[in-house]
Amino acid sequence: RPKVKLNRLTFPSIPDASYYKNHLAR
């Protein structure tokens, strides 16, 4: 498969944002 790279992930500031951002990245 090709190498697919995520350059930037922008996420709004909400409670538990870091948890949801990590879940979204996965």
mmCIF file of all heavy atoms, coordinates in Angstrom:
data_MODEL
# 
_entry.id   MODEL 
# 
loop_
_atom_site.group_PDB 
_atom_site.id 
_atom_site.type_symbol 
_atom_site.label_atom_id 
_atom_site.label_alt_id 
_atom_site.label_comp_id 
_atom_site.label_asym_id 
_atom_site.label_entity_id 
_atom_site.label_seq_id 
_atom_site.pdbx_PDB_ins_code 
_atom_site.Cartn_x 
_atom_site.Cartn_y 
_atom_site.Cartn_z 
_atom_site.occupancy 
_atom_site.B_iso_or_equiv 
_atom_site.pdbx_formal_charge 
_atom_site.auth_seq_id 
_atom_site.auth_comp_id 
_atom_site.auth_asym_id 
_atom_site.auth_atom_id 
_atom_site.pdbx_PDB_model_num 
ATOM 1   N N   . ARG A 1 1  ? 0.844   -1.190 0.000  1.00 0.00 ? 1  ARG A N   1 
ATOM 2   C CA  . ARG A 1 1  ? 0.000   0.000  0.000  1.00 0.00 ? 1  ARG A CA  1 
ATOM 3   C C   . ARG A 1 1  ? 0.881   1.242  0.000  1.00 0.00 ? 1  ARG A C   1 
ATOM 4   O O   . ARG A 1 1  ? 2.012   1.204  0.442  1.00 0.00 ? 1  ARG A O   1 
ATOM 5   C CB  . ARG A 1 1  ? -0.855  0.027  1.262  1.00 0.00 ? 1  ARG A CB  1 
ATOM 6   C CG  . ARG A 1 1  ? -1.830  -1.094 1.366  1.00 0.00 ? 1  ARG A CG  1 
ATOM 7   C CD  . ARG A 1 1  ? -3.177  -0.535 1.088  1.00 0.00 ? 1  ARG A CD  1 
ATOM 8   N NE  . ARG A 1 1  ? -4.203  -1.554 1.168  1.00 0.00 ? 1  ARG A NE  1 
ATOM 9   C CZ  . ARG A 1 1  ? -5.192  -1.609 0.332  1.00 0.00 ? 1  ARG A CZ  1 
ATOM 10  N NH1 . ARG A 1 1  ? -5.283  -0.746 -0.640 1.00 0.00 ? 1  ARG A NH1 1 
ATOM 11  N NH2 . ARG A 1 1  ? -6.110  -2.514 0.447  1.00 0.00 ? 1  ARG A NH2 1 
ATOM 12  N N   . PRO A 1 2  ? 0.347   2.379  -0.463 1.00 0.00 ? 2  PRO A N   1 
ATOM 13  C CA  . PRO A 1 2  ? 1.140   3.600  -0.389 1.00 0.00 ? 2  PRO A CA  1 
ATOM 14  C C   . PRO A 1 2  ? 1.269   4.055  1.055  1.00 0.00 ? 2  PRO A C   1 
ATOM 15  O O   . PRO A 1 2  ? 0.481   3.668  1.923  1.00 0.00 ? 2  PRO A O   1 
ATOM 16  C CB  . PRO A 1 2  ? 0.311   4.597  -1.201 1.00 0.00 ? 2  PRO A CB  1 
ATOM 17  C CG  . PRO A 1 2  ? -1.077  4.105  -1.089 1.00 0.00 ? 2  PRO A CG  1 
ATOM 18  C CD  . PRO A 1 2  ? -0.962  2.605  -1.055 1.00 0.00 ? 2  PRO A CD  1 
ATOM 19  N N   . LYS A 1 3  ? 2.247   4.866  1.304  1.00 0.00 ? 3  LYS A N   1 
ATOM 20  C CA  . LYS A 1 3  ? 2.408   5.443  2.635  1.00 0.00 ? 3  LYS A CA  1 
ATOM 21  C C   . LYS A 1 3  ? 1.519   6.680  2.697  1.00 0.00 ? 3  LYS A C   1 
ATOM 22  O O   . LYS A 1 3  ? 1.701   7.621  1.930  1.00 0.00 ? 3  LYS A O   1 
ATOM 23  C CB  . LYS A 1 3  ? 3.861   5.808  2.893  1.00 0.00 ? 3  LYS A CB  1 
ATOM 24  C CG  . LYS A 1 3  ? 4.075   6.363  4.274  1.00 0.00 ? 3  LYS A CG  1 
ATOM 25  C CD  . LYS A 1 3  ? 5.524   6.544  4.589  1.00 0.00 ? 3  LYS A CD  1 
ATOM 26  C CE  . LYS A 1 3  ? 5.624   7.134  5.977  1.00 0.00 ? 3  LYS A CE  1 
ATOM 27  N NZ  . LYS A 1 3  ? 6.594   6.524  6.789  1.00 0.00 ? 3  LYS A NZ  1 
ATOM 28  N N   . VAL A 1 4  ? 0.547   6.656  3.592  1.00 0.00 ? 4  VAL A N   1 
ATOM 29  C CA  . VAL A 1 4  ? -0.385  7.769  3.732  1.00 0.00 ? 4  VAL A CA  1 
ATOM 30  C C   . VAL A 1 4  ? -0.065  8.468  5.042  1.00 0.00 ? 4  VAL A C   1 
ATOM 31  O O   . VAL A 1 4  ? -0.109  7.857  6.108  1.00 0.00 ? 4  VAL A O   1 
ATOM 32  C CB  . VAL A 1 4  ? -1.851  7.282  3.711  1.00 0.00 ? 4  VAL A CB  1 
ATOM 33  C CG1 . VAL A 1 4  ? -2.799  8.461  3.801  1.00 0.00 ? 4  VAL A CG1 1 
ATOM 34  C CG2 . VAL A 1 4  ? -2.121  6.480  2.450  1.00 0.00 ? 4  VAL A CG2 1 
ATOM 35  N N   . LYS A 1 5  ? 0.288   9.763  4.939  1.00 0.00 ? 5  LYS A N   1 
ATOM 36  C CA  . LYS A 1 5  ? 0.740   10.518 6.110  1.00 0.00 ? 5  LYS A CA  1 
ATOM 37  C C   . LYS A 1 5  ? -0.257  11.611 6.459  1.00 0.00 ? 5  LYS A C   1 
ATOM 38  O O   . LYS A 1 5  ? -0.703  12.351 5.590  1.00 0.00 ? 5  LYS A O   1 
ATOM 39  C CB  . LYS A 1 5  ? 2.105   11.147 5.829  1.00 0.00 ? 5  LYS A CB  1 
ATOM 40  C CG  . LYS A 1 5  ? 3.213   10.131 5.672  1.00 0.00 ? 5  LYS A CG  1 
ATOM 41  C CD  . LYS A 1 5  ? 4.505   10.737 5.181  1.00 0.00 ? 5  LYS A CD  1 
ATOM 42  C CE  . LYS A 1 5  ? 4.946   11.929 5.975  1.00 0.00 ? 5  LYS A CE  1 
ATOM 43  N NZ  . LYS A 1 5  ? 6.253   12.447 5.547  1.00 0.00 ? 5  LYS A NZ  1 
ATOM 44  N N   . LEU A 1 6  ? -0.557  11.708 7.729  1.00 0.00 ? 6  LEU A N   1 
ATOM 45  C CA  . LEU A 1 6  ? -1.389  12.782 8.249  1.00 0.00 ? 6  LEU A CA  1 
ATOM 46  C C   . LEU A 1 6  ? -0.475  13.958 8.579  1.00 0.00 ? 6  LEU A C   1 
ATOM 47  O O   . LEU A 1 6  ? 0.354   13.876 9.481  1.00 0.00 ? 6  LEU A O   1 
ATOM 48  C CB  . LEU A 1 6  ? -2.139  12.313 9.501  1.00 0.00 ? 6  LEU A CB  1 
ATOM 49  C CG  . LEU A 1 6  ? -2.987  13.330 10.236 1.00 0.00 ? 6  LEU A CG  1 
ATOM 50  C CD1 . LEU A 1 6  ? -4.112  13.838 9.345  1.00 0.00 ? 6  LEU A CD1 1 
ATOM 51  C CD2 . LEU A 1 6  ? -3.551  12.715 11.506 1.00 0.00 ? 6  LEU A CD2 1 
ATOM 52  N N   . ASN A 1 7  ? -0.597  15.044 7.808  1.00 0.00 ? 7  ASN A N   1 
ATOM 53  C CA  . ASN A 1 7  ? 0.250   16.226 8.032  1.00 0.00 ? 7  ASN A CA  1 
ATOM 54  C C   . ASN A 1 7  ? -0.150  17.001 9.269  1.00 0.00 ? 7  ASN A C   1 
ATOM 55  O O   . ASN A 1 7  ? 0.679   17.420 10.052 1.00 0.00 ? 7  ASN A O   1 
ATOM 56  C CB  . ASN A 1 7  ? 0.168   17.176 6.839  1.00 0.00 ? 7  ASN A CB  1 
ATOM 57  C CG  . ASN A 1 7  ? 1.174   16.831 5.787  1.00 0.00 ? 7  ASN A CG  1 
ATOM 58  O OD1 . ASN A 1 7  ? 1.986   15.943 5.969  1.00 0.00 ? 7  ASN A OD1 1 
ATOM 59  N ND2 . ASN A 1 7  ? 1.105   17.530 4.680  1.00 0.00 ? 7  ASN A ND2 1 
ATOM 60  N N   . ARG A 1 8  ? -1.457  17.216 9.401  1.00 0.00 ? 8  ARG A N   1 
ATOM 61  C CA  . ARG A 1 8  ? -1.927  18.044 10.508 1.00 0.00 ? 8  ARG A CA  1 
ATOM 62  C C   . ARG A 1 8  ? -3.315  17.570 10.908 1.00 0.00 ? 8  ARG A C   1 
ATOM 63  O O   . ARG A 1 8  ? -4.161  17.302 10.059 1.00 0.00 ? 8  ARG A O   1 
ATOM 64  C CB  . ARG A 1 8  ? -1.985  19.500 10.070 1.00 0.00 ? 8  ARG A CB  1 
ATOM 65  C CG  . ARG A 1 8  ? -2.458  20.431 11.152 1.00 0.00 ? 8  ARG A CG  1 
ATOM 66  C CD  . ARG A 1 8  ? -2.414  21.880 10.748 1.00 0.00 ? 8  ARG A CD  1 
ATOM 67  N NE  . ARG A 1 8  ? -2.459  22.070 9.314  1.00 0.00 ? 8  ARG A NE  1 
ATOM 68  C CZ  . ARG A 1 8  ? -2.423  23.239 8.717  1.00 0.00 ? 8  ARG A CZ  1 
ATOM 69  N NH1 . ARG A 1 8  ? -2.323  24.331 9.413  1.00 0.00 ? 8  ARG A NH1 1 
ATOM 70  N NH2 . ARG A 1 8  ? -2.476  23.341 7.410  1.00 0.00 ? 8  ARG A NH2 1 
ATOM 71  N N   . LEU A 1 9  ? -3.540  17.465 12.207 1.00 0.00 ? 9  LEU A N   1 
ATOM 72  C CA  . LEU A 1 9  ? -4.839  17.111 12.764 1.00 0.00 ? 9  LEU A CA  1 
ATOM 73  C C   . LEU A 1 9  ? -5.266  18.250 13.677 1.00 0.00 ? 9  LEU A C   1 
ATOM 74  O O   . LEU A 1 9  ? -4.630  18.513 14.692 1.00 0.00 ? 9  LEU A O   1 
ATOM 75  C CB  . LEU A 1 9  ? -4.759  15.793 13.546 1.00 0.00 ? 9  LEU A CB  1 
ATOM 76  C CG  . LEU A 1 9  ? -6.024  15.340 14.271 1.00 0.00 ? 9  LEU A CG  1 
ATOM 77  C CD1 . LEU A 1 9  ? -7.180  15.161 13.293 1.00 0.00 ? 9  LEU A CD1 1 
ATOM 78  C CD2 . LEU A 1 9  ? -5.758  14.034 15.000 1.00 0.00 ? 9  LEU A CD2 1 
ATOM 79  N N   . THR A 1 10 ? -6.323  18.939 13.286 1.00 0.00 ? 10 THR A N   1 
ATOM 80  C CA  . THR A 1 10 ? -6.832  20.066 14.061 1.00 0.00 ? 10 THR A CA  1 
ATOM 81  C C   . THR A 1 10 ? -8.102  19.618 14.765 1.00 0.00 ? 10 THR A C   1 
ATOM 82  O O   . THR A 1 10 ? -8.999  19.041 14.141 1.00 0.00 ? 10 THR A O   1 
ATOM 83  C CB  . THR A 1 10 ? -7.139  21.265 13.145 1.00 0.00 ? 10 THR A CB  1 
ATOM 84  O OG1 . THR A 1 10 ? -5.980  21.536 12.362 1.00 0.00 ? 10 THR A OG1 1 
ATOM 85  C CG2 . THR A 1 10 ? -7.510  22.482 13.954 1.00 0.00 ? 10 THR A CG2 1 
ATOM 86  N N   . PHE A 1 11 ? -8.161  19.883 16.068 1.00 0.00 ? 11 PHE A N   1 
ATOM 87  C CA  . PHE A 1 11 ? -9.278  19.410 16.885 1.00 0.00 ? 11 PHE A CA  1 
ATOM 88  C C   . PHE A 1 11 ? -9.734  20.553 17.783 1.00 0.00 ? 11 PHE A C   1 
ATOM 89  O O   . PHE A 1 11 ? -8.906  21.283 18.342 1.00 0.00 ? 11 PHE A O   1 
ATOM 90  C CB  . PHE A 1 11 ? -8.803  18.220 17.734 1.00 0.00 ? 11 PHE A CB  1 
ATOM 91  C CG  . PHE A 1 11 ? -9.910  17.337 18.223 1.00 0.00 ? 11 PHE A CG  1 
ATOM 92  C CD1 . PHE A 1 11 ? -10.431 16.349 17.420 1.00 0.00 ? 11 PHE A CD1 1 
ATOM 93  C CD2 . PHE A 1 11 ? -10.431 17.511 19.495 1.00 0.00 ? 11 PHE A CD2 1 
ATOM 94  C CE1 . PHE A 1 11 ? -11.455 15.538 17.861 1.00 0.00 ? 11 PHE A CE1 1 
ATOM 95  C CE2 . PHE A 1 11 ? -11.453 16.705 19.958 1.00 0.00 ? 11 PHE A CE2 1 
ATOM 96  C CZ  . PHE A 1 11 ? -11.971 15.712 19.139 1.00 0.00 ? 11 PHE A CZ  1 
ATOM 97  N N   . PRO A 1 12 ? -11.047 20.742 17.965 1.00 0.00 ? 12 PRO A N   1 
ATOM 98  C CA  . PRO A 1 12 ? -11.526 21.837 18.814 1.00 0.00 ? 12 PRO A CA  1 
ATOM 99  C C   . PRO A 1 12 ? -11.248 21.565 20.288 1.00 0.00 ? 12 PRO A C   1 
ATOM 100 O O   . PRO A 1 12 ? -11.038 20.423 20.699 1.00 0.00 ? 12 PRO A O   1 
ATOM 101 C CB  . PRO A 1 12 ? -13.033 21.871 18.536 1.00 0.00 ? 12 PRO A CB  1 
ATOM 102 C CG  . PRO A 1 12 ? -13.367 20.497 18.088 1.00 0.00 ? 12 PRO A CG  1 
ATOM 103 C CD  . PRO A 1 12 ? -12.144 19.976 17.385 1.00 0.00 ? 12 PRO A CD  1 
ATOM 104 N N   . SER A 1 13 ? -11.250 22.618 21.064 1.00 0.00 ? 13 SER A N   1 
ATOM 105 C CA  . SER A 1 13 ? -11.011 22.448 22.499 1.00 0.00 ? 13 SER A CA  1 
ATOM 106 C C   . SER A 1 13 ? -12.341 22.162 23.200 1.00 0.00 ? 13 SER A C   1 
ATOM 107 O O   . SER A 1 13 ? -13.232 23.011 23.249 1.00 0.00 ? 13 SER A O   1 
ATOM 108 C CB  . SER A 1 13 ? -10.347 23.695 23.082 1.00 0.00 ? 13 SER A CB  1 
ATOM 109 O OG  . SER A 1 13 ? -11.182 24.811 22.894 1.00 0.00 ? 13 SER A OG  1 
ATOM 110 N N   . ILE A 1 14 ? -12.476 20.940 23.663 1.00 0.00 ? 14 ILE A N   1 
ATOM 111 C CA  . ILE A 1 14 ? -13.637 20.483 24.412 1.00 0.00 ? 14 ILE A CA  1 
ATOM 112 C C   . ILE A 1 14 ? -13.122 19.686 25.598 1.00 0.00 ? 14 ILE A C   1 
ATOM 113 O O   . ILE A 1 14 ? -11.935 19.333 25.646 1.00 0.00 ? 14 ILE A O   1 
ATOM 114 C CB  . ILE A 1 14 ? -14.577 19.602 23.544 1.00 0.00 ? 14 ILE A CB  1 
ATOM 115 C CG1 . ILE A 1 14 ? -13.830 18.345 23.060 1.00 0.00 ? 14 ILE A CG1 1 
ATOM 116 C CG2 . ILE A 1 14 ? -15.139 20.384 22.371 1.00 0.00 ? 14 ILE A CG2 1 
ATOM 117 C CD1 . ILE A 1 14 ? -14.727 17.302 22.469 1.00 0.00 ? 14 ILE A CD1 1 
ATOM 118 N N   . PRO A 1 15 ? -13.970 19.371 26.567 1.00 0.00 ? 15 PRO A N   1 
ATOM 119 C CA  . PRO A 1 15 ? -13.517 18.488 27.645 1.00 0.00 ? 15 PRO A CA  1 
ATOM 120 C C   . PRO A 1 15 ? -13.088 17.134 27.077 1.00 0.00 ? 15 PRO A C   1 
ATOM 121 O O   . PRO A 1 15 ? -13.712 16.613 26.151 1.00 0.00 ? 15 PRO A O   1 
ATOM 122 C CB  . PRO A 1 15 ? -14.756 18.349 28.526 1.00 0.00 ? 15 PRO A CB  1 
ATOM 123 C CG  . PRO A 1 15 ? -15.580 19.551 28.232 1.00 0.00 ? 15 PRO A CG  1 
ATOM 124 C CD  . PRO A 1 15 ? -15.310 19.899 26.800 1.00 0.00 ? 15 PRO A CD  1 
ATOM 125 N N   . ASP A 1 16 ? -12.026 16.573 27.604 1.00 0.00 ? 16 ASP A N   1 
ATOM 126 C CA  . ASP A 1 16 ? -11.456 15.296 27.145 1.00 0.00 ? 16 ASP A CA  1 
ATOM 127 C C   . ASP A 1 16 ? -10.971 15.363 25.699 1.00 0.00 ? 16 ASP A C   1 
ATOM 128 O O   . ASP A 1 16 ? -10.957 14.356 24.989 1.00 0.00 ? 16 ASP A O   1 
ATOM 129 C CB  . ASP A 1 16 ? -12.447 14.141 27.295 1.00 0.00 ? 16 ASP A CB  1 
ATOM 130 C CG  . ASP A 1 16 ? -12.777 13.826 28.734 1.00 0.00 ? 16 ASP A CG  1 
ATOM 131 O OD1 . ASP A 1 16 ? -11.927 14.097 29.608 1.00 0.00 ? 16 ASP A OD1 1 
ATOM 132 O OD2 . ASP A 1 16 ? -13.880 13.297 28.997 1.00 0.00 ? 16 ASP A OD2 1 
ATOM 133 N N   . ALA A 1 17 ? -10.557 16.530 25.241 1.00 0.00 ? 17 ALA A N   1 
ATOM 134 C CA  . ALA A 1 17 ? -10.139 16.696 23.847 1.00 0.00 ? 17 ALA A CA  1 
ATOM 135 C C   . ALA A 1 17 ? -8.955  15.801 23.492 1.00 0.00 ? 17 ALA A C   1 
ATOM 136 O O   . ALA A 1 17 ? -8.923  15.233 22.402 1.00 0.00 ? 17 ALA A O   1 
ATOM 137 C CB  . ALA A 1 17 ? -9.792  18.153 23.565 1.00 0.00 ? 17 ALA A CB  1 
ATOM 138 N N   . SER A 1 18 ? -7.986  15.662 24.389 1.00 0.00 ? 18 SER A N   1 
ATOM 139 C CA  . SER A 1 18 ? -6.809  14.850 24.061 1.00 0.00 ? 18 SER A CA  1 
ATOM 140 C C   . SER A 1 18 ? -7.193  13.382 23.871 1.00 0.00 ? 18 SER A C   1 
ATOM 141 O O   . SER A 1 18 ? -6.662  12.709 22.984 1.00 0.00 ? 18 SER A O   1 
ATOM 142 C CB  . SER A 1 18 ? -5.734  14.994 25.131 1.00 0.00 ? 18 SER A CB  1 
ATOM 143 O OG  . SER A 1 18 ? -6.206  14.516 26.369 1.00 0.00 ? 18 SER A OG  1 
ATOM 144 N N   . TYR A 1 19 ? -8.112  12.878 24.680 1.00 0.00 ? 19 TYR A N   1 
ATOM 145 C CA  . TYR A 1 19 ? -8.566  11.490 24.534 1.00 0.00 ? 19 TYR A CA  1 
ATOM 146 C C   . TYR A 1 19 ? -9.245  11.302 23.179 1.00 0.00 ? 19 TYR A C   1 
ATOM 147 O O   . TYR A 1 19 ? -8.946  10.358 22.444 1.00 0.00 ? 19 TYR A O   1 
ATOM 148 C CB  . TYR A 1 19 ? -9.524  11.118 25.668 1.00 0.00 ? 19 TYR A CB  1 
ATOM 149 C CG  . TYR A 1 19 ? -10.134 9.753  25.470 1.00 0.00 ? 19 TYR A CG  1 
ATOM 150 C CD1 . TYR A 1 19 ? -9.427  8.600  25.795 1.00 0.00 ? 19 TYR A CD1 1 
ATOM 151 C CD2 . TYR A 1 19 ? -11.400 9.612  24.917 1.00 0.00 ? 19 TYR A CD2 1 
ATOM 152 C CE1 . TYR A 1 19 ? -9.971  7.344  25.596 1.00 0.00 ? 19 TYR A CE1 1 
ATOM 153 C CE2 . TYR A 1 19 ? -11.950 8.363  24.708 1.00 0.00 ? 19 TYR A CE2 1 
ATOM 154 C CZ  . TYR A 1 19 ? -11.234 7.235  25.050 1.00 0.00 ? 19 TYR A CZ  1 
ATOM 155 O OH  . TYR A 1 19 ? -11.776 5.994  24.838 1.00 0.00 ? 19 TYR A OH  1 
ATOM 156 N N   . TYR A 1 20 ? -10.181 12.205 22.845 1.00 0.00 ? 20 TYR A N   1 
ATOM 157 C CA  . TYR A 1 20 ? -10.910 12.088 21.585 1.00 0.00 ? 20 TYR A CA  1 
ATOM 158 C C   . TYR A 1 20 ? -9.998  12.309 20.380 1.00 0.00 ? 20 TYR A C   1 
ATOM 159 O O   . TYR A 1 20 ? -10.158 11.669 19.340 1.00 0.00 ? 20 TYR A O   1 
ATOM 160 C CB  . TYR A 1 20 ? -12.085 13.066 21.545 1.00 0.00 ? 20 TYR A CB  1 
ATOM 161 C CG  . TYR A 1 20 ? -13.166 12.729 22.542 1.00 0.00 ? 20 TYR A CG  1 
ATOM 162 C CD1 . TYR A 1 20 ? -13.667 13.693 23.404 1.00 0.00 ? 20 TYR A CD1 1 
ATOM 163 C CD2 . TYR A 1 20 ? -13.686 11.442 22.633 1.00 0.00 ? 20 TYR A CD2 1 
ATOM 164 C CE1 . TYR A 1 20 ? -14.667 13.392 24.318 1.00 0.00 ? 20 TYR A CE1 1 
ATOM 165 C CE2 . TYR A 1 20 ? -14.677 11.127 23.541 1.00 0.00 ? 20 TYR A CE2 1 
ATOM 166 C CZ  . TYR A 1 20 ? -15.165 12.106 24.380 1.00 0.00 ? 20 TYR A CZ  1 
ATOM 167 O OH  . TYR A 1 20 ? -16.145 11.796 25.281 1.00 0.00 ? 20 TYR A OH  1 
ATOM 168 N N   . LYS A 1 21 ? -9.015  13.185 20.507 1.00 0.00 ? 21 LYS A N   1 
ATOM 169 C CA  . LYS A 1 21 ? -8.071  13.422 19.418 1.00 0.00 ? 21 LYS A CA  1 
ATOM 170 C C   . LYS A 1 21 ? -7.239  12.168 19.156 1.00 0.00 ? 21 LYS A C   1 
ATOM 171 O O   . LYS A 1 21 ? -7.011  11.793 18.002 1.00 0.00 ? 21 LYS A O   1 
ATOM 172 C CB  . LYS A 1 21 ? -7.166  14.604 19.752 1.00 0.00 ? 21 LYS A CB  1 
ATOM 173 C CG  . LYS A 1 21 ? -6.275  15.027 18.627 1.00 0.00 ? 21 LYS A CG  1 
ATOM 174 C CD  . LYS A 1 21 ? -5.492  16.283 18.973 1.00 0.00 ? 21 LYS A CD  1 
ATOM 175 C CE  . LYS A 1 21 ? -4.615  16.721 17.835 1.00 0.00 ? 21 LYS A CE  1 
ATOM 176 N NZ  . LYS A 1 21 ? -3.879  17.958 18.144 1.00 0.00 ? 21 LYS A NZ  1 
ATOM 177 N N   . ASN A 1 22 ? -6.799  11.488 20.219 1.00 0.00 ? 22 ASN A N   1 
ATOM 178 C CA  . ASN A 1 22 ? -6.050  10.239 20.048 1.00 0.00 ? 22 ASN A CA  1 
ATOM 179 C C   . ASN A 1 22 ? -6.923  9.156  19.429 1.00 0.00 ? 22 ASN A C   1 
ATOM 180 O O   . ASN A 1 22 ? -6.464  8.394  18.566 1.00 0.00 ? 22 ASN A O   1 
ATOM 181 C CB  . ASN A 1 22 ? -5.495  9.763  21.393 1.00 0.00 ? 22 ASN A CB  1 
ATOM 182 C CG  . ASN A 1 22 ? -4.357  10.617 21.875 1.00 0.00 ? 22 ASN A CG  1 
ATOM 183 O OD1 . ASN A 1 22 ? -3.683  11.278 21.099 1.00 0.00 ? 22 ASN A OD1 1 
ATOM 184 N ND2 . ASN A 1 22 ? -4.147  10.630 23.187 1.00 0.00 ? 22 ASN A ND2 1 
ATOM 185 N N   . HIS A 1 23 ? -8.173  9.084  19.855 1.00 0.00 ? 23 HIS A N   1 
ATOM 186 C CA  . HIS A 1 23 ? -9.093  8.107  19.267 1.00 0.00 ? 23 HIS A CA  1 
ATOM 187 C C   . HIS A 1 23 ? -9.288  8.391  17.774 1.00 0.00 ? 23 HIS A C   1 
ATOM 188 O O   . HIS A 1 23 ? -9.277  7.473  16.955 1.00 0.00 ? 23 HIS A O   1 
ATOM 189 C CB  . HIS A 1 23 ? -10.443 8.128  19.989 1.00 0.00 ? 23 HIS A CB  1 
ATOM 190 C CG  . HIS A 1 23 ? -11.478 7.283  19.323 1.00 0.00 ? 23 HIS A CG  1 
ATOM 191 N ND1 . HIS A 1 23 ? -11.478 5.907  19.424 1.00 0.00 ? 23 HIS A ND1 1 
ATOM 192 C CD2 . HIS A 1 23 ? -12.522 7.608  18.526 1.00 0.00 ? 23 HIS A CD2 1 
ATOM 193 C CE1 . HIS A 1 23 ? -12.485 5.431  18.716 1.00 0.00 ? 23 HIS A CE1 1 
ATOM 194 N NE2 . HIS A 1 23 ? -13.136 6.444  18.166 1.00 0.00 ? 23 HIS A NE2 1 
ATOM 195 N N   . LEU A 1 24 ? -9.452  9.654  17.437 1.00 0.00 ? 24 LEU A N   1 
ATOM 196 C CA  . LEU A 1 24 ? -9.617  10.042 16.036 1.00 0.00 ? 24 LEU A CA  1 
ATOM 197 C C   . LEU A 1 24 ? -8.370  9.709  15.223 1.00 0.00 ? 24 LEU A C   1 
ATOM 198 O O   . LEU A 1 24 ? -8.473  9.202  14.098 1.00 0.00 ? 24 LEU A O   1 
ATOM 199 C CB  . LEU A 1 24 ? -9.933  11.532 15.939 1.00 0.00 ? 24 LEU A CB  1 
ATOM 200 C CG  . LEU A 1 24 ? -10.095 12.093 14.534 1.00 0.00 ? 24 LEU A CG  1 
ATOM 201 C CD1 . LEU A 1 24 ? -11.237 11.409 13.794 1.00 0.00 ? 24 LEU A CD1 1 
ATOM 202 C CD2 . LEU A 1 24 ? -10.316 13.594 14.590 1.00 0.00 ? 24 LEU A CD2 1 
ATOM 203 N N   . ALA A 1 25 ? -7.196  9.954  15.760 1.00 0.00 ? 25 ALA A N   1 
ATOM 204 C CA  . ALA A 1 25 ? -5.948  9.638  15.043 1.00 0.00 ? 25 ALA A CA  1 
ATOM 205 C C   . ALA A 1 25 ? -5.848  8.141  14.766 1.00 0.00 ? 25 ALA A C   1 
ATOM 206 O O   . ALA A 1 25 ? -5.442  7.737  13.672 1.00 0.00 ? 25 ALA A O   1 
ATOM 207 C CB  . ALA A 1 25 ? -4.748  10.120 15.846 1.00 0.00 ? 25 ALA A CB  1 
ATOM 208 N N   . ARG A 1 26 ? -6.228  7.317  15.734 1.00 0.00 ? 26 ARG A N   1 
ATOM 209 C CA  . ARG A 1 26 ? -6.226  5.859  15.510 1.00 0.00 ? 26 ARG A CA  1 
ATOM 210 C C   . ARG A 1 26 ? -7.250  5.464  14.453 1.00 0.00 ? 26 ARG A C   1 
ATOM 211 O O   . ARG A 1 26 ? -6.981  4.606  13.598 1.00 0.00 ? 26 ARG A O   1 
ATOM 212 C CB  . ARG A 1 26 ? -6.492  5.120  16.818 1.00 0.00 ? 26 ARG A CB  1 
ATOM 213 C CG  . ARG A 1 26 ? -5.335  5.143  17.792 1.00 0.00 ? 26 ARG A CG  1 
ATOM 214 C CD  . ARG A 1 26 ? -5.546  4.198  18.965 1.00 0.00 ? 26 ARG A CD  1 
ATOM 215 N NE  . ARG A 1 26 ? -6.810  4.385  19.640 1.00 0.00 ? 26 ARG A NE  1 
ATOM 216 C CZ  . ARG A 1 26 ? -7.039  5.215  20.668 1.00 0.00 ? 26 ARG A CZ  1 
ATOM 217 N NH1 . ARG A 1 26 ? -6.039  5.947  21.132 1.00 0.00 ? 26 ARG A NH1 1 
ATOM 218 N NH2 . ARG A 1 26 ? -8.228  5.308  21.217 1.00 0.00 ? 26 ARG A NH2 1 
# 
